[in-house]
């Protein structure tokens, strides 16, 4: 595939343009 830098990728290369976070943490939201 073509990555964000326009290069062909190897298998399982991170797509660092699409990093997700922001889940609720336990503790406190348990």
ModelCIF file with pLDDT and N, C-alpha, C, O atoms, coordinates in Angstrom:
data_MODEL
#
_entry.id   MODEL 
#
_entity.id                         1 
_entity.type                       polymer 
_entity.pdbx_number_of_molecules   1 
#
_entity_poly.entity_id                      1 
_entity_poly.type                           'polypeptide(L)' 
_entity_poly.nstd_linkage                   no 
_entity_poly.nstd_monomer                   no 
_entity_poly.pdbx_seq_one_letter_code       
;(UNK)(UNK)(UNK)(UNK)(UNK)(UNK)(UNK)(UNK)(UNK)(UNK)(UNK)(UNK)(UNK)(UNK)(UNK)(UNK)
(UNK)(UNK)(UNK)(UNK)(UNK)(UNK)(UNK)(UNK)(UNK)(UNK)(UNK)(UNK)(UNK)(UNK)
;
_entity_poly.pdbx_seq_one_letter_code_can   XXXXXXXXXXXXXXXXXXXXXXXXXXXXXX 
_entity_poly.pdbx_strand_id                 A 
#
loop_
_entity_poly_seq.entity_id 
_entity_poly_seq.num 
_entity_poly_seq.mon_id 
_entity_poly_seq.hetero 
1 1  UNK n 
1 2  UNK n 
1 3  UNK n 
1 4  UNK n 
1 5  UNK n 
1 6  UNK n 
1 7  UNK n 
1 8  UNK n 
1 9  UNK n 
1 10 UNK n 
1 11 UNK n 
1 12 UNK n 
1 13 UNK n 
1 14 UNK n 
1 15 UNK n 
1 16 UNK n 
1 17 UNK n 
1 18 UNK n 
1 19 UNK n 
1 20 UNK n 
1 21 UNK n 
1 22 UNK n 
1 23 UNK n 
1 24 UNK n 
1 25 UNK n 
1 26 UNK n 
1 27 UNK n 
1 28 UNK n 
1 29 UNK n 
1 30 UNK n 
#
_struct_asym.id          A 
_struct_asym.entity_id   1 
#
loop_
_ma_qa_metric.id 
_ma_qa_metric.mode 
_ma_qa_metric.name 
_ma_qa_metric.software_group_id 
_ma_qa_metric.type 
1 global pLDDT . pLDDT 
2 local  pLDDT . pLDDT 
#
_ma_qa_metric_global.metric_id      1 
_ma_qa_metric_global.metric_value   83.80 
_ma_qa_metric_global.model_id       1 
_ma_qa_metric_global.ordinal_id     1 
#
loop_
_ma_qa_metric_local.label_asym_id 
_ma_qa_metric_local.label_comp_id 
_ma_qa_metric_local.label_seq_id 
_ma_qa_metric_local.metric_id 
_ma_qa_metric_local.metric_value 
_ma_qa_metric_local.model_id 
_ma_qa_metric_local.ordinal_id 
A UNK 1  2 84.00 1 1  
A UNK 2  2 84.00 1 2  
A UNK 3  2 81.00 1 3  
A UNK 4  2 79.00 1 4  
A UNK 5  2 83.00 1 5  
A UNK 6  2 87.00 1 6  
A UNK 7  2 86.00 1 7  
A UNK 8  2 88.00 1 8  
A UNK 9  2 85.00 1 9  
A UNK 10 2 80.00 1 10 
A UNK 11 2 80.00 1 11 
A UNK 12 2 88.00 1 12 
A UNK 13 2 88.00 1 13 
A UNK 14 2 89.00 1 14 
A UNK 15 2 88.00 1 15 
A UNK 16 2 86.00 1 16 
A UNK 17 2 85.00 1 17 
A UNK 18 2 86.00 1 18 
A UNK 19 2 86.00 1 19 
A UNK 20 2 86.00 1 20 
A UNK 21 2 84.00 1 21 
A UNK 22 2 80.00 1 22 
A UNK 23 2 83.00 1 23 
A UNK 24 2 83.00 1 24 
A UNK 25 2 82.00 1 25 
A UNK 26 2 81.00 1 26 
A UNK 27 2 82.00 1 27 
A UNK 28 2 77.00 1 28 
A UNK 29 2 81.00 1 29 
A UNK 30 2 82.00 1 30 
#
loop_
_atom_site.group_PDB 
_atom_site.id 
_atom_site.type_symbol 
_atom_site.label_atom_id 
_atom_site.label_alt_id 
_atom_site.label_comp_id 
_atom_site.label_asym_id 
_atom_site.label_entity_id 
_atom_site.label_seq_id 
_atom_site.pdbx_PDB_ins_code 
_atom_site.Cartn_x 
_atom_site.Cartn_y 
_atom_site.Cartn_z 
_atom_site.occupancy 
_atom_site.B_iso_or_equiv 
_atom_site.pdbx_formal_charge 
_atom_site.auth_seq_id 
_atom_site.auth_comp_id 
_atom_site.auth_asym_id 
_atom_site.auth_atom_id 
_atom_site.pdbx_PDB_model_num 
ATOM 1   N N  . UNK A 1 1  ? 0.844   -1.193 0.000  1.00 84.00 ? 1  UNK A N  1 
ATOM 2   C CA . UNK A 1 1  ? 0.000   0.000  0.000  1.00 84.00 ? 1  UNK A CA 1 
ATOM 3   C C  . UNK A 1 1  ? 0.883   1.248  0.000  1.00 84.00 ? 1  UNK A C  1 
ATOM 4   O O  . UNK A 1 1  ? 2.085   1.166  0.253  1.00 84.00 ? 1  UNK A O  1 
ATOM 5   N N  . UNK A 1 2  ? 0.291   2.375  -0.279 1.00 84.00 ? 2  UNK A N  1 
ATOM 6   C CA . UNK A 1 2  ? 1.029   3.630  -0.252 1.00 84.00 ? 2  UNK A CA 1 
ATOM 7   C C  . UNK A 1 2  ? 0.770   4.320  1.079  1.00 84.00 ? 2  UNK A C  1 
ATOM 8   O O  . UNK A 1 2  ? -0.378  4.580  1.439  1.00 84.00 ? 2  UNK A O  1 
ATOM 9   N N  . UNK A 1 3  ? 1.842   4.614  1.805  1.00 81.00 ? 3  UNK A N  1 
ATOM 10  C CA . UNK A 1 3  ? 1.692   5.250  3.111  1.00 81.00 ? 3  UNK A CA 1 
ATOM 11  C C  . UNK A 1 3  ? 1.555   6.766  2.964  1.00 81.00 ? 3  UNK A C  1 
ATOM 12  O O  . UNK A 1 3  ? 1.518   7.282  1.847  1.00 81.00 ? 3  UNK A O  1 
ATOM 13  N N  . UNK A 1 4  ? 1.479   7.479  4.090  1.00 79.00 ? 4  UNK A N  1 
ATOM 14  C CA . UNK A 1 4  ? 1.287   8.933  4.095  1.00 79.00 ? 4  UNK A CA 1 
ATOM 15  C C  . UNK A 1 4  ? 2.458   9.667  3.458  1.00 79.00 ? 4  UNK A C  1 
ATOM 16  O O  . UNK A 1 4  ? 2.309   10.812 3.030  1.00 79.00 ? 4  UNK A O  1 
ATOM 17  N N  . UNK A 1 5  ? 3.618   9.028  3.390  1.00 83.00 ? 5  UNK A N  1 
ATOM 18  C CA . UNK A 1 5  ? 4.799   9.636  2.759  1.00 83.00 ? 5  UNK A CA 1 
ATOM 19  C C  . UNK A 1 5  ? 4.872   9.324  1.267  1.00 83.00 ? 5  UNK A C  1 
ATOM 20  O O  . UNK A 1 5  ? 5.806   9.743  0.583  1.00 83.00 ? 5  UNK A O  1 
ATOM 21  N N  . UNK A 1 6  ? 3.874   8.582  0.765  1.00 87.00 ? 6  UNK A N  1 
ATOM 22  C CA . UNK A 1 6  ? 3.852   8.230  -0.658 1.00 87.00 ? 6  UNK A CA 1 
ATOM 23  C C  . UNK A 1 6  ? 4.728   7.048  -1.010 1.00 87.00 ? 6  UNK A C  1 
ATOM 24  O O  . UNK A 1 6  ? 5.003   6.814  -2.187 1.00 87.00 ? 6  UNK A O  1 
ATOM 25  N N  . UNK A 1 7  ? 5.173   6.295  -0.013 1.00 86.00 ? 7  UNK A N  1 
ATOM 26  C CA . UNK A 1 7  ? 6.042   5.140  -0.226 1.00 86.00 ? 7  UNK A CA 1 
ATOM 27  C C  . UNK A 1 7  ? 5.245   3.848  -0.151 1.00 86.00 ? 7  UNK A C  1 
ATOM 28  O O  . UNK A 1 7  ? 4.236   3.771  0.551  1.00 86.00 ? 7  UNK A O  1 
ATOM 29  N N  . UNK A 1 8  ? 5.708   2.819  -0.889 1.00 88.00 ? 8  UNK A N  1 
ATOM 30  C CA . UNK A 1 8  ? 5.115   1.484  -0.771 1.00 88.00 ? 8  UNK A CA 1 
ATOM 31  C C  . UNK A 1 8  ? 5.487   0.905  0.585  1.00 88.00 ? 8  UNK A C  1 
ATOM 32  O O  . UNK A 1 8  ? 6.609   1.080  1.061  1.00 88.00 ? 8  UNK A O  1 
ATOM 33  N N  . UNK A 1 9  ? 4.542   0.218  1.198  1.00 85.00 ? 9  UNK A N  1 
ATOM 34  C CA . UNK A 1 9  ? 4.748   -0.271 2.554  1.00 85.00 ? 9  UNK A CA 1 
ATOM 35  C C  . UNK A 1 9  ? 5.094   -1.744 2.614  1.00 85.00 ? 9  UNK A C  1 
ATOM 36  O O  . UNK A 1 9  ? 4.863   -2.505 1.674  1.00 85.00 ? 9  UNK A O  1 
ATOM 37  N N  . UNK A 1 10 ? 5.656   -2.119 3.753  1.00 80.00 ? 10 UNK A N  1 
ATOM 38  C CA . UNK A 1 10 ? 5.816   -3.525 4.132  1.00 80.00 ? 10 UNK A CA 1 
ATOM 39  C C  . UNK A 1 10 ? 4.567   -3.905 4.924  1.00 80.00 ? 10 UNK A C  1 
ATOM 40  O O  . UNK A 1 10 ? 3.818   -3.031 5.360  1.00 80.00 ? 10 UNK A O  1 
ATOM 41  N N  . UNK A 1 11 ? 4.344   -5.180 5.107  1.00 80.00 ? 11 UNK A N  1 
ATOM 42  C CA . UNK A 1 11 ? 3.192   -5.629 5.903  1.00 80.00 ? 11 UNK A CA 1 
ATOM 43  C C  . UNK A 1 11 ? 3.310   -5.105 7.334  1.00 80.00 ? 11 UNK A C  1 
ATOM 44  O O  . UNK A 1 11 ? 4.399   -5.069 7.907  1.00 80.00 ? 11 UNK A O  1 
ATOM 45  N N  . UNK A 1 12 ? 2.199   -4.711 7.889  1.00 88.00 ? 12 UNK A N  1 
ATOM 46  C CA . UNK A 1 12 ? 2.059   -4.277 9.281  1.00 88.00 ? 12 UNK A CA 1 
ATOM 47  C C  . UNK A 1 12 ? 2.796   -2.978 9.609  1.00 88.00 ? 12 UNK A C  1 
ATOM 48  O O  . UNK A 1 12 ? 3.138   -2.748 10.770 1.00 88.00 ? 12 UNK A O  1 
ATOM 49  N N  . UNK A 1 13 ? 3.045   -2.135 8.629  1.00 88.00 ? 13 UNK A N  1 
ATOM 50  C CA . UNK A 1 13 ? 3.683   -0.842 8.891  1.00 88.00 ? 13 UNK A CA 1 
ATOM 51  C C  . UNK A 1 13 ? 2.648   0.098  9.507  1.00 88.00 ? 13 UNK A C  1 
ATOM 52  O O  . UNK A 1 13 ? 1.525   0.197  9.011  1.00 88.00 ? 13 UNK A O  1 
ATOM 53  N N  . UNK A 1 14 ? 3.020   0.783  10.577 1.00 89.00 ? 14 UNK A N  1 
ATOM 54  C CA . UNK A 1 14 ? 2.103   1.695  11.260 1.00 89.00 ? 14 UNK A CA 1 
ATOM 55  C C  . UNK A 1 14 ? 1.623   2.814  10.341 1.00 89.00 ? 14 UNK A C  1 
ATOM 56  O O  . UNK A 1 14 ? 2.409   3.410  9.605  1.00 89.00 ? 14 UNK A O  1 
ATOM 57  N N  . UNK A 1 15 ? 0.318   3.090  10.396 1.00 88.00 ? 15 UNK A N  1 
ATOM 58  C CA . UNK A 1 15 ? -0.277  4.248  9.725  1.00 88.00 ? 15 UNK A CA 1 
ATOM 59  C C  . UNK A 1 15 ? -0.354  5.352  10.771 1.00 88.00 ? 15 UNK A C  1 
ATOM 60  O O  . UNK A 1 15 ? -1.375  5.518  11.439 1.00 88.00 ? 15 UNK A O  1 
ATOM 61  N N  . UNK A 1 16 ? 0.730   6.100  10.906 1.00 86.00 ? 16 UNK A N  1 
ATOM 62  C CA . UNK A 1 16 ? 0.819   7.099  11.970 1.00 86.00 ? 16 UNK A CA 1 
ATOM 63  C C  . UNK A 1 16 ? -0.015  8.351  11.698 1.00 86.00 ? 16 UNK A C  1 
ATOM 64  O O  . UNK A 1 16 ? -0.049  9.263  12.525 1.00 86.00 ? 16 UNK A O  1 
ATOM 65  N N  . UNK A 1 17 ? -0.681  8.400  10.559 1.00 85.00 ? 17 UNK A N  1 
ATOM 66  C CA . UNK A 1 17 ? -1.598  9.514  10.292 1.00 85.00 ? 17 UNK A CA 1 
ATOM 67  C C  . UNK A 1 17 ? -2.973  9.236  10.896 1.00 85.00 ? 17 UNK A C  1 
ATOM 68  O O  . UNK A 1 17 ? -3.840  10.109 10.868 1.00 85.00 ? 17 UNK A O  1 
ATOM 69  N N  . UNK A 1 18 ? -3.189  8.045  11.438 1.00 86.00 ? 18 UNK A N  1 
ATOM 70  C CA . UNK A 1 18 ? -4.507  7.661  11.947 1.00 86.00 ? 18 UNK A CA 1 
ATOM 71  C C  . UNK A 1 18 ? -4.449  7.047  13.347 1.00 86.00 ? 18 UNK A C  1 
ATOM 72  O O  . UNK A 1 18 ? -5.116  6.047  13.614 1.00 86.00 ? 18 UNK A O  1 
ATOM 73  N N  . UNK A 1 19 ? -3.661  7.639  14.235 1.00 86.00 ? 19 UNK A N  1 
ATOM 74  C CA . UNK A 1 19 ? -3.539  7.140  15.603 1.00 86.00 ? 19 UNK A CA 1 
ATOM 75  C C  . UNK A 1 19 ? -4.762  7.576  16.408 1.00 86.00 ? 19 UNK A C  1 
ATOM 76  O O  . UNK A 1 19 ? -5.153  8.742  16.376 1.00 86.00 ? 19 UNK A O  1 
ATOM 77  N N  . UNK A 1 20 ? -5.358  6.629  17.129 1.00 86.00 ? 20 UNK A N  1 
ATOM 78  C CA . UNK A 1 20 ? -6.545  6.913  17.953 1.00 86.00 ? 20 UNK A CA 1 
ATOM 79  C C  . UNK A 1 20 ? -6.215  6.731  19.429 1.00 86.00 ? 20 UNK A C  1 
ATOM 80  O O  . UNK A 1 20 ? -5.314  5.973  19.787 1.00 86.00 ? 20 UNK A O  1 
ATOM 81  N N  . UNK A 1 21 ? -6.958  7.439  20.282 1.00 84.00 ? 21 UNK A N  1 
ATOM 82  C CA . UNK A 1 21 ? -6.817  7.381  21.725 1.00 84.00 ? 21 UNK A CA 1 
ATOM 83  C C  . UNK A 1 21 ? -8.114  7.878  22.325 1.00 84.00 ? 21 UNK A C  1 
ATOM 84  O O  . UNK A 1 21 ? -9.156  7.804  21.673 1.00 84.00 ? 21 UNK A O  1 
ATOM 85  N N  . UNK A 1 22 ? -8.085  8.366  23.510 1.00 80.00 ? 22 UNK A N  1 
ATOM 86  C CA . UNK A 1 22 ? -9.213  9.020  24.175 1.00 80.00 ? 22 UNK A CA 1 
ATOM 87  C C  . UNK A 1 22 ? -10.276 8.077  24.689 1.00 80.00 ? 22 UNK A C  1 
ATOM 88  O O  . UNK A 1 22 ? -11.463 8.403  24.649 1.00 80.00 ? 22 UNK A O  1 
ATOM 89  N N  . UNK A 1 23 ? -9.872  6.903  25.176 1.00 83.00 ? 23 UNK A N  1 
ATOM 90  C CA . UNK A 1 23 ? -10.824 6.036  25.856 1.00 83.00 ? 23 UNK A CA 1 
ATOM 91  C C  . UNK A 1 23 ? -11.006 6.505  27.293 1.00 83.00 ? 23 UNK A C  1 
ATOM 92  O O  . UNK A 1 23 ? -10.236 7.335  27.777 1.00 83.00 ? 23 UNK A O  1 
ATOM 93  N N  . UNK A 1 24 ? -12.001 5.989  27.968 1.00 83.00 ? 24 UNK A N  1 
ATOM 94  C CA . UNK A 1 24 ? -12.225 6.297  29.385 1.00 83.00 ? 24 UNK A CA 1 
ATOM 95  C C  . UNK A 1 24 ? -11.354 5.379  30.233 1.00 83.00 ? 24 UNK A C  1 
ATOM 96  O O  . UNK A 1 24 ? -11.303 4.173  29.992 1.00 83.00 ? 24 UNK A O  1 
ATOM 97  N N  . UNK A 1 25 ? -10.672 5.944  31.223 1.00 82.00 ? 25 UNK A N  1 
ATOM 98  C CA . UNK A 1 25 ? -9.749  5.188  32.059 1.00 82.00 ? 25 UNK A CA 1 
ATOM 99  C C  . UNK A 1 25 ? -10.415 4.661  33.321 1.00 82.00 ? 25 UNK A C  1 
ATOM 100 O O  . UNK A 1 25 ? -11.241 5.338  33.933 1.00 82.00 ? 25 UNK A O  1 
ATOM 101 N N  . UNK A 1 26 ? -10.044 3.444  33.700 1.00 81.00 ? 26 UNK A N  1 
ATOM 102 C CA . UNK A 1 26 ? -10.437 2.850  34.977 1.00 81.00 ? 26 UNK A CA 1 
ATOM 103 C C  . UNK A 1 26 ? -9.144  2.580  35.746 1.00 81.00 ? 26 UNK A C  1 
ATOM 104 O O  . UNK A 1 26 ? -8.253  1.942  35.186 1.00 81.00 ? 26 UNK A O  1 
ATOM 105 N N  . UNK A 1 27 ? -8.987  3.025  36.988 1.00 82.00 ? 27 UNK A N  1 
ATOM 106 C CA . UNK A 1 27 ? -9.911  3.907  37.640 1.00 82.00 ? 27 UNK A CA 1 
ATOM 107 C C  . UNK A 1 27 ? -9.877  5.287  36.997 1.00 82.00 ? 27 UNK A C  1 
ATOM 108 O O  . UNK A 1 27 ? -8.795  5.715  36.596 1.00 82.00 ? 27 UNK A O  1 
ATOM 109 N N  . UNK A 1 28 ? -10.861 5.930  36.884 1.00 77.00 ? 28 UNK A N  1 
ATOM 110 C CA . UNK A 1 28 ? -12.010 6.328  37.642 1.00 77.00 ? 28 UNK A CA 1 
ATOM 111 C C  . UNK A 1 28 ? -13.332 5.876  37.012 1.00 77.00 ? 28 UNK A C  1 
ATOM 112 O O  . UNK A 1 28 ? -14.322 5.710  37.724 1.00 77.00 ? 28 UNK A O  1 
ATOM 113 N N  . UNK A 1 29 ? -13.365 5.677  35.707 1.00 81.00 ? 29 UNK A N  1 
ATOM 114 C CA . UNK A 1 29 ? -14.590 5.244  35.033 1.00 81.00 ? 29 UNK A CA 1 
ATOM 115 C C  . UNK A 1 29 ? -14.587 3.725  34.967 1.00 81.00 ? 29 UNK A C  1 
ATOM 116 O O  . UNK A 1 29 ? -14.169 3.148  33.963 1.00 81.00 ? 29 UNK A O  1 
ATOM 117 N N  . UNK A 1 30 ? -15.057 3.064  36.041 1.00 82.00 ? 30 UNK A N  1 
ATOM 118 C CA . UNK A 1 30 ? -14.957 1.604  36.142 1.00 82.00 ? 30 UNK A CA 1 
ATOM 119 C C  . UNK A 1 30 ? -16.309 0.882  36.113 1.00 82.00 ? 30 UNK A C  1 
ATOM 120 O O  . UNK A 1 30 ? -16.356 -0.345 36.190 1.00 82.00 ? 30 UNK A O  1 
#
